[in-house]
N, C-alpha and C. Protein backbone atom coordinates (compact mmCIF):
# COMPACT_ATOMS: atom_id res chain seq x y z
N MET A 1 0.83 -1.19 -0.02
CA MET A 1 -0.06 -0.04 0.07
C MET A 1 0.94 1.29 -0.06
N GLN A 2 0.53 2.14 -0.90
CA GLN A 2 1.23 3.38 -0.94
C GLN A 2 0.97 4.31 0.19
N GLN A 3 2.07 4.93 0.79
CA GLN A 3 1.86 5.87 1.80
C GLN A 3 1.46 7.21 1.28
N PRO A 4 0.57 7.80 1.90
CA PRO A 4 0.18 9.23 1.46
C PRO A 4 1.34 10.17 1.54
N GLN A 5 1.49 11.02 0.55
CA GLN A 5 2.46 12.06 0.57
C GLN A 5 2.21 13.06 1.58
N PRO A 6 3.31 13.61 2.26
CA PRO A 6 3.24 14.70 3.24
C PRO A 6 2.61 15.88 2.44
N LYS A 7 1.76 16.58 3.24
CA LYS A 7 1.26 17.87 2.61
C LYS A 7 2.39 19.03 2.74
N PRO A 8 2.38 19.89 1.72
CA PRO A 8 3.26 20.97 1.73
C PRO A 8 3.01 21.88 2.91
N PRO A 9 4.00 22.44 3.51
CA PRO A 9 3.91 23.45 4.56
C PRO A 9 2.97 24.56 4.21
N LEU A 10 2.31 25.20 5.07
CA LEU A 10 1.52 26.40 4.70
C LEU A 10 2.48 27.49 4.29
N PRO A 11 2.04 28.30 3.20
CA PRO A 11 2.96 29.33 2.74
C PRO A 11 3.53 30.38 3.72
N ASP A 12 2.84 30.72 4.75
CA ASP A 12 3.44 31.47 5.93
C ASP A 12 2.49 31.31 6.98
N ASP A 13 2.83 32.16 8.08
CA ASP A 13 2.00 31.88 9.27
C ASP A 13 0.63 32.57 9.33
N ASP A 14 0.09 33.20 8.26
CA ASP A 14 -1.16 33.82 8.06
C ASP A 14 -2.19 32.76 8.37
N LYS A 15 -3.14 33.08 9.36
CA LYS A 15 -4.06 32.19 9.82
C LYS A 15 -5.09 31.87 8.71
N ARG A 16 -5.21 32.69 7.77
CA ARG A 16 -6.13 32.48 6.64
C ARG A 16 -5.94 31.13 5.99
N TRP A 17 -4.56 30.74 5.93
CA TRP A 17 -4.09 29.50 5.32
C TRP A 17 -4.72 28.34 6.04
N LYS A 18 -4.97 28.56 7.38
CA LYS A 18 -5.50 27.35 8.20
C LYS A 18 -6.88 27.17 7.83
N LEU A 19 -7.64 28.18 7.38
CA LEU A 19 -8.91 27.89 6.91
C LEU A 19 -9.08 27.38 5.63
N VAL A 20 -8.11 27.59 4.69
CA VAL A 20 -8.00 26.90 3.53
C VAL A 20 -7.60 25.42 3.70
N ASN A 21 -6.66 25.19 4.46
CA ASN A 21 -6.15 23.90 4.90
C ASN A 21 -7.45 23.02 5.43
N ALA A 22 -8.18 23.67 6.29
CA ALA A 22 -9.45 22.88 6.87
C ALA A 22 -10.34 22.48 5.79
N THR A 23 -10.42 23.41 4.69
CA THR A 23 -11.46 22.87 3.71
C THR A 23 -10.91 21.66 2.96
N MET A 24 -9.58 21.65 2.69
CA MET A 24 -8.96 20.41 2.08
C MET A 24 -8.99 19.22 2.88
N ARG A 25 -8.76 19.40 4.17
CA ARG A 25 -8.70 18.37 5.18
C ARG A 25 -10.14 17.65 5.24
N ARG A 26 -11.03 18.58 5.30
CA ARG A 26 -12.51 18.07 5.40
C ARG A 26 -12.91 17.10 4.14
N HIS A 27 -12.29 17.37 3.02
CA HIS A 27 -12.44 16.54 1.85
C HIS A 27 -11.40 15.62 1.62
N GLY A 28 -10.58 15.36 2.69
CA GLY A 28 -9.56 14.32 2.58
C GLY A 28 -8.38 14.52 1.48
N TYR A 29 -8.21 15.85 1.27
CA TYR A 29 -7.33 16.37 0.20
C TYR A 29 -7.48 15.65 -1.14
N ALA A 30 -8.81 15.37 -1.45
CA ALA A 30 -9.07 14.82 -2.65
C ALA A 30 -9.21 15.76 -3.92
N ASP A 31 -9.01 15.40 -4.94
CA ASP A 31 -8.96 16.31 -6.20
C ASP A 31 -10.27 16.93 -6.40
N HIS A 32 -11.33 16.16 -6.00
CA HIS A 32 -12.79 16.63 -6.20
C HIS A 32 -13.01 17.88 -5.36
N ALA A 33 -12.22 18.23 -4.50
CA ALA A 33 -12.45 19.35 -3.60
C ALA A 33 -11.71 20.70 -4.28
N LEU A 34 -11.26 20.54 -5.52
CA LEU A 34 -10.55 21.77 -6.15
C LEU A 34 -11.31 23.01 -6.07
N ILE A 35 -12.50 22.85 -6.63
CA ILE A 35 -13.34 24.17 -6.79
C ILE A 35 -13.65 24.76 -5.41
N GLU A 36 -14.02 23.97 -4.46
CA GLU A 36 -14.43 24.38 -3.12
C GLU A 36 -13.13 25.08 -2.46
N THR A 37 -11.92 24.39 -2.68
CA THR A 37 -10.72 24.95 -2.10
C THR A 37 -10.38 26.16 -2.72
N LEU A 38 -10.59 26.46 -3.97
CA LEU A 38 -10.31 27.85 -4.71
C LEU A 38 -11.27 28.71 -4.13
N HIS A 39 -12.50 28.40 -3.99
CA HIS A 39 -13.47 29.28 -3.21
C HIS A 39 -12.90 29.64 -1.87
N SER A 40 -12.45 28.70 -1.15
CA SER A 40 -11.94 29.06 0.23
C SER A 40 -10.73 30.09 0.22
N VAL A 41 -9.90 29.79 -0.77
CA VAL A 41 -8.73 30.70 -0.89
C VAL A 41 -9.14 32.12 -1.34
N GLN A 42 -10.00 32.26 -2.31
CA GLN A 42 -10.47 33.50 -2.60
C GLN A 42 -11.36 34.19 -1.55
N ASN A 43 -12.10 33.52 -0.78
CA ASN A 43 -12.90 34.03 0.37
C ASN A 43 -11.90 34.58 1.38
N ALA A 44 -10.75 33.91 1.54
CA ALA A 44 -9.81 34.26 2.57
C ALA A 44 -8.98 35.42 2.23
N PHE A 45 -8.48 35.42 0.89
CA PHE A 45 -7.49 36.37 0.45
C PHE A 45 -8.06 37.34 -0.56
N GLY A 46 -9.38 37.15 -1.08
CA GLY A 46 -9.76 38.00 -2.07
C GLY A 46 -9.51 37.78 -3.60
N PHE A 47 -8.48 36.92 -3.80
CA PHE A 47 -8.13 36.66 -5.12
C PHE A 47 -7.26 35.43 -5.06
N LEU A 48 -6.87 34.87 -6.14
CA LEU A 48 -6.08 33.76 -6.33
C LEU A 48 -4.67 34.09 -6.88
N ASP A 49 -3.72 34.07 -6.26
CA ASP A 49 -2.28 34.41 -6.77
C ASP A 49 -1.53 33.26 -7.06
N GLU A 50 -0.41 33.32 -7.57
CA GLU A 50 0.48 32.15 -7.92
C GLU A 50 0.84 31.25 -6.84
N ILE A 51 1.18 31.94 -5.71
CA ILE A 51 1.46 31.20 -4.56
C ILE A 51 0.27 30.23 -4.08
N ALA A 52 -1.02 30.83 -4.08
CA ALA A 52 -2.09 30.10 -3.66
C ALA A 52 -2.37 28.84 -4.71
N LEU A 53 -2.23 29.20 -5.93
CA LEU A 53 -2.46 28.11 -6.90
C LEU A 53 -1.58 26.93 -6.74
N ARG A 54 -0.19 27.27 -6.52
CA ARG A 54 0.79 26.27 -6.40
C ARG A 54 0.53 25.43 -5.07
N PHE A 55 0.15 26.20 -4.07
CA PHE A 55 -0.19 25.52 -2.88
C PHE A 55 -1.28 24.55 -2.93
N VAL A 56 -2.39 24.89 -3.55
CA VAL A 56 -3.50 24.15 -3.75
C VAL A 56 -3.12 22.91 -4.70
N ALA A 57 -2.39 23.14 -5.74
CA ALA A 57 -1.99 22.07 -6.57
C ALA A 57 -1.11 20.95 -5.88
N ALA A 58 -0.21 21.38 -5.14
CA ALA A 58 0.61 20.44 -4.36
C ALA A 58 -0.14 19.80 -3.17
N SER A 59 -1.05 20.55 -2.50
CA SER A 59 -1.89 19.96 -1.50
C SER A 59 -2.85 18.87 -2.04
N LEU A 60 -3.54 19.17 -3.24
CA LEU A 60 -4.45 18.25 -3.55
C LEU A 60 -3.83 17.30 -4.59
N ASP A 61 -2.48 17.33 -4.79
CA ASP A 61 -1.70 16.43 -5.77
C ASP A 61 -2.24 16.49 -7.12
N LEU A 62 -2.39 17.71 -7.54
CA LEU A 62 -2.88 17.92 -8.94
C LEU A 62 -1.82 18.86 -9.68
N PRO A 63 -1.80 18.64 -11.05
CA PRO A 63 -0.90 19.39 -11.82
C PRO A 63 -1.33 20.86 -11.64
N LEU A 64 -0.30 21.74 -11.65
CA LEU A 64 -0.58 23.18 -11.56
C LEU A 64 -1.33 23.63 -12.82
N SER A 65 -1.21 23.07 -13.95
CA SER A 65 -1.93 23.36 -15.24
C SER A 65 -3.35 23.04 -15.00
N LYS A 66 -3.86 22.14 -14.22
CA LYS A 66 -5.29 21.83 -14.03
C LYS A 66 -5.91 22.77 -13.04
N VAL A 67 -5.09 23.14 -12.07
CA VAL A 67 -5.61 24.21 -11.02
C VAL A 67 -5.78 25.42 -11.69
N PHE A 68 -4.72 25.87 -12.47
CA PHE A 68 -4.72 27.16 -13.27
C PHE A 68 -5.94 27.14 -14.26
N GLY A 69 -6.07 26.04 -14.95
CA GLY A 69 -7.29 25.82 -15.87
C GLY A 69 -8.60 26.06 -15.26
N VAL A 70 -8.64 25.63 -14.17
CA VAL A 70 -10.10 25.75 -13.42
C VAL A 70 -10.20 27.14 -12.92
N ALA A 71 -9.13 27.73 -12.35
CA ALA A 71 -9.31 29.16 -11.86
C ALA A 71 -9.51 30.04 -13.07
N THR A 72 -9.07 29.74 -14.28
CA THR A 72 -9.36 30.72 -15.37
C THR A 72 -10.55 30.39 -16.05
N PHE A 73 -11.05 29.24 -15.90
CA PHE A 73 -12.31 28.86 -16.77
C PHE A 73 -13.53 29.51 -16.03
N TYR A 74 -13.63 29.55 -14.71
CA TYR A 74 -14.75 30.05 -14.04
C TYR A 74 -14.52 31.66 -13.81
N HIS A 75 -15.58 32.32 -14.26
CA HIS A 75 -15.29 33.80 -14.24
C HIS A 75 -15.41 34.31 -12.74
N ILE A 76 -15.93 33.53 -11.86
CA ILE A 76 -15.99 33.94 -10.41
C ILE A 76 -14.67 34.00 -9.73
N PHE A 77 -13.68 33.34 -10.42
CA PHE A 77 -12.30 33.48 -9.60
C PHE A 77 -11.54 34.64 -10.24
N MET A 78 -10.81 35.26 -9.36
CA MET A 78 -10.05 36.45 -9.50
C MET A 78 -8.53 36.09 -9.31
N LEU A 79 -7.78 36.46 -10.53
CA LEU A 79 -6.19 36.18 -10.41
C LEU A 79 -5.65 37.37 -9.88
N LYS A 80 -6.24 38.50 -9.70
CA LYS A 80 -5.63 39.79 -9.20
C LYS A 80 -6.56 40.33 -8.29
N PRO A 81 -6.01 41.18 -7.39
CA PRO A 81 -6.83 41.79 -6.28
C PRO A 81 -8.00 42.56 -7.06
N LYS A 82 -9.11 42.59 -6.36
CA LYS A 82 -10.41 43.14 -6.74
C LYS A 82 -10.46 44.60 -6.37
N GLY A 83 -11.00 45.58 -7.15
CA GLY A 83 -11.16 46.91 -6.70
C GLY A 83 -12.16 46.97 -5.65
N ARG A 84 -12.33 48.33 -5.13
CA ARG A 84 -13.26 48.49 -4.00
C ARG A 84 -14.75 48.28 -4.58
N HIS A 85 -14.96 48.74 -5.96
CA HIS A 85 -16.20 48.57 -6.63
C HIS A 85 -16.05 47.54 -7.96
N THR A 86 -17.07 46.83 -8.20
CA THR A 86 -17.03 46.02 -9.27
C THR A 86 -18.07 46.24 -10.20
N CYS A 87 -17.77 46.32 -11.57
CA CYS A 87 -18.68 46.65 -12.66
C CYS A 87 -18.65 45.53 -13.46
N VAL A 88 -19.72 44.71 -13.61
CA VAL A 88 -19.94 43.51 -14.56
C VAL A 88 -20.85 44.00 -15.73
N ILE A 89 -20.34 43.96 -16.95
CA ILE A 89 -21.09 44.26 -18.09
C ILE A 89 -21.49 43.00 -18.78
N CYS A 90 -22.88 42.87 -18.96
CA CYS A 90 -23.38 41.77 -19.62
C CYS A 90 -22.98 41.86 -21.14
N THR A 91 -22.40 40.81 -21.59
CA THR A 91 -22.13 40.68 -23.14
C THR A 91 -22.99 39.61 -23.81
N GLY A 92 -24.01 39.27 -23.12
CA GLY A 92 -24.98 38.25 -23.84
C GLY A 92 -25.55 38.92 -25.15
N THR A 93 -26.16 38.00 -25.79
CA THR A 93 -26.74 38.50 -27.22
C THR A 93 -27.44 39.73 -27.13
N ALA A 94 -28.39 39.68 -26.17
CA ALA A 94 -29.39 40.97 -26.11
C ALA A 94 -28.61 42.20 -25.79
N CYS A 95 -27.82 42.13 -24.77
CA CYS A 95 -26.92 43.24 -24.20
C CYS A 95 -26.05 43.68 -25.35
N TYR A 96 -25.37 42.70 -25.95
CA TYR A 96 -24.40 42.97 -26.99
C TYR A 96 -24.98 43.93 -28.09
N ILE A 97 -26.19 43.41 -28.61
CA ILE A 97 -26.89 44.09 -29.74
C ILE A 97 -27.37 45.56 -29.30
N LYS A 98 -27.70 45.65 -28.03
CA LYS A 98 -28.18 46.90 -27.63
C LYS A 98 -27.09 47.90 -27.07
N GLY A 99 -25.71 47.53 -27.26
CA GLY A 99 -24.68 48.38 -26.90
C GLY A 99 -23.72 48.02 -25.86
N ALA A 100 -23.41 46.77 -25.48
CA ALA A 100 -22.59 46.39 -24.38
C ALA A 100 -21.14 46.85 -24.86
N GLY A 101 -20.83 46.73 -26.08
CA GLY A 101 -19.57 47.16 -26.69
C GLY A 101 -19.26 48.64 -26.37
N ALA A 102 -20.16 49.47 -26.65
CA ALA A 102 -20.08 50.88 -26.29
C ALA A 102 -19.76 51.11 -24.97
N LEU A 103 -20.49 50.33 -24.04
CA LEU A 103 -20.28 50.63 -22.66
C LEU A 103 -18.80 50.22 -22.23
N LEU A 104 -18.24 49.09 -22.75
CA LEU A 104 -16.97 48.76 -22.50
C LEU A 104 -15.99 49.76 -23.13
N ASP A 105 -16.28 50.36 -24.17
CA ASP A 105 -15.37 51.36 -24.85
C ASP A 105 -15.47 52.69 -23.89
N GLY A 106 -16.60 53.04 -23.44
CA GLY A 106 -16.82 54.12 -22.61
C GLY A 106 -15.86 54.03 -21.34
N ILE A 107 -15.97 52.82 -20.66
CA ILE A 107 -15.14 52.70 -19.51
C ILE A 107 -13.67 52.53 -19.82
N HIS A 108 -13.30 51.91 -21.02
CA HIS A 108 -11.79 51.91 -21.31
C HIS A 108 -11.35 53.51 -21.63
N ALA A 109 -12.17 54.20 -22.28
CA ALA A 109 -11.87 55.57 -22.52
C ALA A 109 -11.77 56.45 -21.27
N ARG A 110 -12.64 56.24 -20.32
CA ARG A 110 -12.53 56.99 -18.98
C ARG A 110 -11.50 56.54 -18.12
N TYR A 111 -11.34 55.18 -17.89
CA TYR A 111 -10.45 54.55 -16.94
C TYR A 111 -9.19 53.88 -17.39
N ASP A 112 -9.22 53.73 -18.71
CA ASP A 112 -8.00 53.06 -19.25
C ASP A 112 -7.90 51.55 -18.70
N ILE A 113 -9.09 50.86 -18.63
CA ILE A 113 -9.06 49.42 -18.21
C ILE A 113 -9.82 48.67 -19.28
N ASN A 114 -9.54 47.32 -19.21
CA ASN A 114 -10.31 46.40 -20.17
C ASN A 114 -10.88 45.51 -19.20
N SER A 115 -11.67 44.62 -19.68
CA SER A 115 -12.40 43.44 -18.89
C SER A 115 -11.33 42.67 -18.28
N GLY A 116 -11.39 42.48 -16.96
CA GLY A 116 -10.55 41.59 -16.22
C GLY A 116 -9.48 42.44 -15.53
N ASP A 117 -9.57 43.82 -15.78
CA ASP A 117 -8.56 44.74 -15.13
C ASP A 117 -9.17 45.39 -13.98
N THR A 118 -8.33 46.01 -13.12
CA THR A 118 -8.59 46.98 -12.15
C THR A 118 -7.80 48.15 -12.23
N THR A 119 -8.45 49.29 -11.95
CA THR A 119 -7.74 50.66 -11.93
C THR A 119 -6.56 50.67 -11.12
N ALA A 120 -5.60 51.48 -11.52
CA ALA A 120 -4.34 51.53 -10.67
C ALA A 120 -4.53 51.94 -9.30
N ASP A 121 -5.56 52.78 -8.96
CA ASP A 121 -5.83 52.96 -7.59
C ASP A 121 -6.74 51.94 -6.87
N ASP A 122 -6.99 50.92 -7.46
CA ASP A 122 -7.79 49.71 -6.91
C ASP A 122 -9.25 50.28 -6.56
N ARG A 123 -9.67 51.28 -7.32
CA ARG A 123 -11.08 51.64 -7.12
C ARG A 123 -11.98 50.91 -7.76
N LEU A 124 -11.72 50.36 -8.98
CA LEU A 124 -12.73 49.76 -9.87
C LEU A 124 -12.22 48.58 -10.53
N SER A 125 -12.96 47.46 -10.54
CA SER A 125 -12.62 46.21 -11.28
C SER A 125 -13.73 46.17 -12.40
N LEU A 126 -13.39 45.83 -13.47
CA LEU A 126 -14.28 45.73 -14.71
C LEU A 126 -14.27 44.32 -15.16
N LEU A 127 -15.44 43.65 -15.24
CA LEU A 127 -15.51 42.28 -15.70
C LEU A 127 -16.68 42.27 -16.75
N THR A 128 -16.72 41.12 -17.42
CA THR A 128 -17.82 40.90 -18.33
C THR A 128 -18.51 39.58 -17.95
N ALA A 129 -19.71 39.38 -18.32
CA ALA A 129 -20.46 38.06 -18.07
C ALA A 129 -21.24 37.76 -19.25
N ARG A 130 -21.38 36.57 -19.78
CA ARG A 130 -22.02 36.11 -20.80
C ARG A 130 -23.64 36.48 -20.80
N CYS A 131 -24.07 36.38 -19.47
CA CYS A 131 -25.46 36.65 -19.23
C CYS A 131 -25.70 36.92 -17.74
N VAL A 132 -26.44 38.05 -17.47
CA VAL A 132 -26.80 38.37 -16.13
C VAL A 132 -28.18 38.01 -15.72
N GLY A 133 -28.89 37.63 -16.80
CA GLY A 133 -30.32 37.19 -16.68
C GLY A 133 -31.24 38.44 -16.60
N ALA A 134 -30.91 39.61 -17.24
CA ALA A 134 -31.75 40.76 -17.38
C ALA A 134 -31.88 41.33 -18.72
N CYS A 135 -32.32 40.38 -19.63
CA CYS A 135 -32.29 40.66 -21.08
C CYS A 135 -33.17 41.86 -21.44
N GLY A 136 -34.26 41.92 -20.57
CA GLY A 136 -35.26 42.88 -20.94
C GLY A 136 -34.72 44.37 -20.45
N LEU A 137 -33.69 44.48 -19.75
CA LEU A 137 -33.00 45.73 -19.46
C LEU A 137 -31.81 46.00 -20.18
N ALA A 138 -31.58 45.28 -21.39
CA ALA A 138 -30.47 45.47 -22.12
C ALA A 138 -30.24 46.77 -22.50
N PRO A 139 -28.88 47.24 -22.51
CA PRO A 139 -27.78 46.50 -22.06
C PRO A 139 -27.70 46.71 -20.50
N ALA A 140 -27.38 45.64 -19.80
CA ALA A 140 -27.55 45.60 -18.38
C ALA A 140 -26.10 45.52 -17.88
N VAL A 141 -26.00 46.09 -16.68
CA VAL A 141 -24.64 46.20 -15.84
C VAL A 141 -24.89 45.74 -14.49
N VAL A 142 -24.09 45.09 -13.88
CA VAL A 142 -24.22 44.71 -12.28
C VAL A 142 -23.03 45.56 -11.70
N LEU A 143 -23.48 46.65 -11.06
CA LEU A 143 -22.56 47.49 -10.36
C LEU A 143 -22.56 47.15 -8.81
N ASN A 144 -21.70 46.78 -8.27
CA ASN A 144 -21.55 46.24 -6.73
C ASN A 144 -22.80 45.44 -6.33
N GLY A 145 -23.15 44.68 -7.28
CA GLY A 145 -24.23 43.68 -6.95
C GLY A 145 -25.65 44.21 -7.39
N ASP A 146 -25.80 45.38 -7.73
CA ASP A 146 -27.03 46.04 -8.24
C ASP A 146 -27.09 46.06 -9.76
N VAL A 147 -28.40 45.57 -10.15
CA VAL A 147 -28.54 45.59 -11.63
C VAL A 147 -29.02 46.88 -12.16
N LEU A 148 -28.25 47.35 -13.23
CA LEU A 148 -28.69 48.70 -13.79
C LEU A 148 -29.02 48.34 -15.22
N GLY A 149 -30.21 48.75 -15.58
CA GLY A 149 -30.65 48.54 -16.96
C GLY A 149 -30.60 49.70 -17.83
N LYS A 150 -30.62 49.32 -19.22
CA LYS A 150 -30.78 50.34 -20.27
C LYS A 150 -29.75 51.34 -20.11
N GLN A 151 -28.51 50.96 -20.08
CA GLN A 151 -27.29 51.83 -19.72
C GLN A 151 -26.80 52.17 -21.06
N ASN A 152 -26.30 53.48 -21.01
CA ASN A 152 -25.37 53.87 -22.23
C ASN A 152 -23.90 54.30 -21.55
N ALA A 153 -23.00 54.53 -22.37
CA ALA A 153 -21.67 54.84 -21.72
C ALA A 153 -21.69 56.00 -20.93
N ALA A 154 -22.47 57.13 -21.26
CA ALA A 154 -22.44 58.33 -20.37
C ALA A 154 -23.12 58.04 -19.09
N THR A 155 -24.19 57.39 -19.08
CA THR A 155 -24.84 57.09 -17.77
C THR A 155 -24.08 56.18 -16.85
N LEU A 156 -23.54 55.18 -17.54
CA LEU A 156 -22.66 54.23 -16.64
C LEU A 156 -21.47 55.00 -16.01
N VAL A 157 -20.81 55.78 -16.87
CA VAL A 157 -19.52 56.42 -16.39
C VAL A 157 -20.05 57.50 -15.24
N ASN A 158 -21.23 58.06 -15.34
CA ASN A 158 -21.62 58.96 -14.24
C ASN A 158 -21.89 58.07 -13.04
N SER A 159 -22.58 56.87 -13.12
CA SER A 159 -22.79 56.09 -11.95
C SER A 159 -21.39 55.67 -11.35
N LEU A 160 -20.43 55.41 -12.14
CA LEU A 160 -19.20 55.00 -11.67
C LEU A 160 -18.41 56.23 -10.94
N GLU A 161 -18.68 57.39 -11.48
CA GLU A 161 -17.94 58.61 -10.93
C GLU A 161 -18.74 58.92 -9.57
N ALA A 162 -19.91 58.59 -9.39
CA ALA A 162 -20.66 58.90 -8.19
C ALA A 162 -20.29 58.03 -6.92
N LEU A 163 -19.59 56.99 -7.25
CA LEU A 163 -19.16 56.03 -6.15
C LEU A 163 -18.06 56.77 -5.40
N ASP A 164 -18.01 56.33 -4.13
CA ASP A 164 -17.00 56.97 -3.19
C ASP A 164 -15.65 57.20 -3.81
């Protein structure tokens, strides 16, 4: 019978790693716990950095490529720190036809960021989603969890400027 491999040491003495380790331990360090473990890391630290991805891969005995692949496949995972405010622009068919591209262009022109980026001052993160379920409000935006409908670049930028 093969002996289980020793688990890698925690990256540092930060107590948040103990929460992540508890998630993996609860699932017996099984590979099927990958998504839940990544959620645990993101909940603890706010995003998934290279150290975290390597730690999870070693702990669950998975290739780093698989861990990175899962982390980049699901839009809920962030590989960079999130801004204080989050703007998600729907790029589903109805929203795209009604002007989602113009919304992205307007934010890029004002803040010089693209989807997946955060402003240099960490004030705003911009994301896109294939559908936010508000097709009747197209083009729709989710700003800090609130759905804004029938947006245009000017109204969206005004809403972003009004944030703290």
